[in-house]
Protein backbone atom coordinates (compact mmCIF):
# COMPACT_ATOMS: atom_id res chain seq x y z
CA MET A 1 -12.74 35.31 10.94
CA PRO A 2 -12.56 31.81 9.34
CA ALA A 3 -9.42 30.86 7.47
CA GLN A 4 -9.52 30.82 3.66
CA VAL A 5 -10.02 27.25 2.41
CA THR A 6 -7.10 25.84 0.42
CA MET A 7 -7.14 22.39 -1.23
CA VAL A 8 -3.96 20.46 -0.38
CA GLN A 9 -2.56 17.70 -2.62
CA ASP A 10 -0.24 15.60 -0.46
CA PRO A 11 2.70 13.70 -1.96
CA PRO A 12 2.45 9.89 -2.08
CA GLY A 13 2.93 8.26 1.31
CA PRO A 14 1.59 8.81 4.80
CA VAL A 15 0.88 12.33 6.07
CA PHE A 16 1.12 13.59 9.68
CA LEU A 17 -1.13 16.51 10.65
CA PRO A 18 -0.45 17.83 14.18
CA PHE A 19 -3.12 18.65 16.78
CA ALA A 20 -5.75 21.01 15.36
CA HIS A 21 -9.49 21.70 15.25
CA ASN A 22 -10.64 19.66 12.23
CA ARG A 23 -14.00 19.38 10.48
CA LEU A 24 -15.04 16.20 8.66
CA CYS A 25 -17.84 16.21 6.11
CA TYR A 26 -18.94 13.92 3.30
CA TYR A 27 -18.41 15.23 -0.25
CA ARG A 28 -21.24 13.46 -2.08
CA GLU A 29 -20.24 14.54 -5.59
CA VAL A 30 -16.95 12.60 -5.44
CA LYS A 31 -17.93 10.08 -2.72
CA GLN A 32 -15.05 11.04 -0.45
CA TRP A 33 -14.63 12.70 2.92
CA ARG A 34 -13.27 16.22 3.31
CA VAL A 35 -11.01 16.93 6.28
CA ARG A 36 -10.56 20.65 6.90
CA ASN A 37 -8.27 22.27 9.45
CA GLU A 38 -10.52 25.01 10.84
CA ASP A 39 -7.50 27.11 11.91
CA THR A 40 -5.50 27.11 8.65
CA GLY A 41 -8.23 26.35 6.10
CA GLU A 42 -6.26 23.40 4.65
CA LEU A 43 -8.65 20.95 3.01
CA ARG A 44 -7.80 17.34 2.12
CA LEU A 45 -9.88 14.61 0.50
CA VAL A 46 -9.76 11.16 2.10
CA GLU A 47 -11.46 7.86 1.33
CA ASP A 48 -12.38 6.86 4.89
CA TYR A 49 -11.73 7.65 8.55
CA GLU A 50 -11.08 5.86 11.85
CA GLY A 51 -11.09 7.19 15.39
CA ASN A 52 -13.05 9.27 17.90
CA LEU A 53 -15.17 12.21 16.74
CA GLY A 54 -17.36 14.88 18.30
CA LEU A 55 -20.69 16.01 16.82
CA ASN A 56 -21.78 19.65 16.74
CA TRP A 57 -25.38 20.63 16.05
CA MET A 58 -25.03 24.23 17.23
CA ASP A 59 -24.76 25.85 13.77
CA GLY A 60 -28.04 24.60 12.32
CA GLY A 61 -26.51 21.58 10.61
CA SER A 62 -24.61 18.49 11.50
CA HIS A 63 -20.86 18.81 11.52
CA VAL A 64 -18.36 16.27 12.72
CA PHE A 65 -15.25 17.59 14.44
CA HIS A 66 -12.00 16.10 15.67
CA ASP A 67 -9.79 18.07 18.03
CA GLY A 68 -6.47 16.32 17.73
CA PRO A 69 -3.85 15.08 15.30
CA ILE A 70 -4.57 13.11 12.13
CA VAL A 71 -2.47 10.62 10.19
CA ILE A 72 -3.51 9.90 6.60
CA ASP A 73 -2.27 6.54 5.33
CA VAL A 74 -1.38 5.57 1.74
CA GLU A 75 -4.93 4.31 1.13
CA ARG A 76 -6.14 7.83 2.08
CA THR A 77 -7.78 6.78 5.35
CA ALA A 78 -7.67 9.51 8.01
CA HIS A 79 -6.78 8.11 11.44
CA PHE A 80 -7.78 10.36 14.37
CA PHE A 81 -5.72 10.38 17.58
CA LYS A 82 -5.92 12.10 20.96
CA THR A 83 -2.28 13.21 21.19
CA ASP A 84 0.51 14.13 18.80
CA GLU A 85 2.70 11.50 20.49
CA GLU A 86 0.41 8.54 19.72
CA ALA A 87 -0.23 9.85 16.19
CA GLU A 88 3.50 10.25 15.56
CA LYS A 89 4.20 6.64 16.63
CA PHE A 90 1.58 5.39 14.16
CA TYR A 91 2.90 7.73 11.45
CA LEU A 92 6.48 6.45 11.86
CA VAL A 93 5.31 2.85 11.47
CA LEU A 94 3.43 3.77 8.28
CA LEU A 95 6.40 5.79 7.00
CA ASN A 96 8.77 2.83 7.48
CA GLU A 97 6.32 0.47 5.76
CA HIS A 98 5.94 2.89 2.84
CA ALA A 99 9.72 3.28 2.48
CA ALA A 100 10.17 -0.51 2.45
CA THR A 101 7.48 -0.84 -0.23
CA VAL A 102 9.09 1.86 -2.37
CA ARG A 103 12.51 0.18 -2.05
CA ALA A 104 11.05 -3.25 -2.91
CA THR A 105 9.18 -2.01 -5.97
CA GLY A 106 11.98 0.26 -7.13
């Protein structure tokens, strides 16, 4: 049974999403991408994406999936990684940059 879809509003700053089965689809009405964790039903809107994807045509439509972790940066770009370890390294760099920006701008 699919998980109930829940829209998530993340706080400002980078977001780390651990390894999961994620669906990516374009939300034409608002001209953004939707990233949905197929296991938990969490849905996030992002502006863009980078990384490796897998296409699935088995359900009668085109769906783009990413099995792995995601880091969402402050510009709301979803970065797809193969492992939690490489995603976490990238996330920590973004987190440090964000903290420095917040300190500098007060």
